[in-house]
Amino acid sequence: MQLYQVDSDTSTKITSTYLKQFRKCPDNSAYDLDTWRTTLWSKALGDKYSYLSKKIYERWLYLRYHYLGLTIETKNMLIELRKKYLIGLISNGPSKAQWEKINQLNLSNYFDVILVSGDLPWEKPEPKIFYEACRLIGSLPHNCIMVGDKLETDILGGIEAGLAGTVWLPISDKTRLTPDDPKPGYTIKRITDLMTFLKRRPDGPELEDSCSNASDGS
């Protein structure tokens, strides 16, 4: 926001306020996405800077998808995987916000089935949303695996749905399991390690058997 002569401390406070409200309510059925987010920015900016809300929102949206995009390595991996496997994507969140993300990233080019919890009566970790994905793919749960970064939704849901396996990709600060965490079958350090997991026995480099030491995931 320094482009608009807003000092660093104030910018940090404004951004924190916006993100807190955005994560609490990423969309509002009474508004289109652009109007709702601009409104959130206006509130976060306060009376002094609210006139910047449209410009700040447009810049935020550009940066959001600039940094959120799939890497070329991930795209190539998904293309290769689809030559042999059917791939589904299950996303928790409000319908409009999630589909914007899906469309902006062109994810339909890389997945055979995409489910958004906002369109359905369930969300992860509810097993029924996994069963629905399996049904649409045309496969039984015991022939499918779940790959995800969230233990409490992706991994727990895959376990409770009785899938053939669960693979955890920790991308947050949490990289070790606690005794109370759902226990993934395997842990990978990079999403592209999934090719190793599927092509070979799971003893390749940097692929960790999470069950060998449930206390720390290694």
Foldseek 3Di string as FASTA:
>chain_A
DVVVVDDDVLVVQLVVQLVVVCVVPVDDPVDANLVVSLVSSLVSNPPVCNVCSNVVSVVVVVVVCVVVEDDPLVQVLLVVVVVPDAAEAEEEDADNVVVVNCVSRVVVVRHPYYHYCNVDVDHFLALVVVVVRCVSRVHQQQADEFEEADQRGGVNSSVVNNHVFYEHAHDDPQQWAAPPTRFGQKYAPDPSCVVVVVPHPQPDPRIFGQVVDVHTRD
